Amino acid sequence: MKRFAVFLSNLFLMFLLTQVSMSFAQKTIEAGDSYNPDISPANFTIEITNPYFSLPIGKKIVYEALTADGLERTEILVPGWTKTVSGIETLVYWDRVYLDGQLIEDTRDYLAQHKETGDVWYFGENVDNYEDGEIVDNSGAWLTGEDKAKPGIWILANPQVGDKFRSEYRKAKAEDESEVLSISETVKVPFGMFRDCAKHIDGSPLFPDKAHAYYCKGVGAEVLGIDLVGPETPEEQRLELIAVDLKGALGIVLPEQYAVEGVVAAAN
């Protein structure tokens, strides 16, 4: 009986070590050439319920930032639109940025949640950059499967201090990375005060500047973003949450130009 108990104990220890190893591998930044995440379509859903980043259909999120160029307002909409990327159905996270009331960026991010871990994955984006009301370029756009691009994790469901992960990967074009610095932050913004928030530091080996991002369970969204002082950002800039409306994105008609990209309207 004793030998059998030892055997069970060793077997359990091996199981724990395997789980720790798997968890570590999933939350550690791998070299670009060896980065090859498992993105089987059966493992993902567009029902995004991550406690730090929930996206019920109809949700509208609004941010404001005072920048050197003027007042920047960011509006996020979740109308329920979808797009299939590399065989995976994703939810469209519609992000529009205005500077002093004029549209300067229109982005459609494509997200899906892993069914087992609850982590939200990022499968690419279509981007329209504007000047004086006209599209000038699509800088920043990328899609999983195009030009060897691979998806990354947008936000973890169970973050731990020290977790590191890729947010996107298209070599020399999109290489954002994130590290969890804390899971016990208190954050105050115009929309309210939140506790036990996750604090990340986001950056990319392609650019010198970095930013802090705070995600909070109470609202299920990024609450505060701080662009840190760096070569391209001479002063810290704060992007603060000012409003959340759970019905603000309902009933929006899908623009034809997005349908051409493969975006599908929400089912009635």
Foldseek 3Di string as FASTA:
>chain_A
DVVVVVVVVVVVVVVVVVVVVVVQVQQDDDDQVPDDDDPPQVQWDQQQDQLLAGDDAQKKWKKWWQDPQAIKIKIWHFNQKWFAAPNHIWGWTWIWMAGVRHTFKTKTWTWIAGNPFSFIKTFWMFMFGDDPRDGDDGAPGDGPPPQPKDIWTPGGSDDDAFGKIWHIDRPLRHTKIKGWHAQFDWDQFQQGIAGRWTWMKMDGPNDDWIKIWTTGSVVNYTAKIWTPDDPVGPHIMIIGINDMDSNNRYPDDDDPVVVVVRMGGHDD
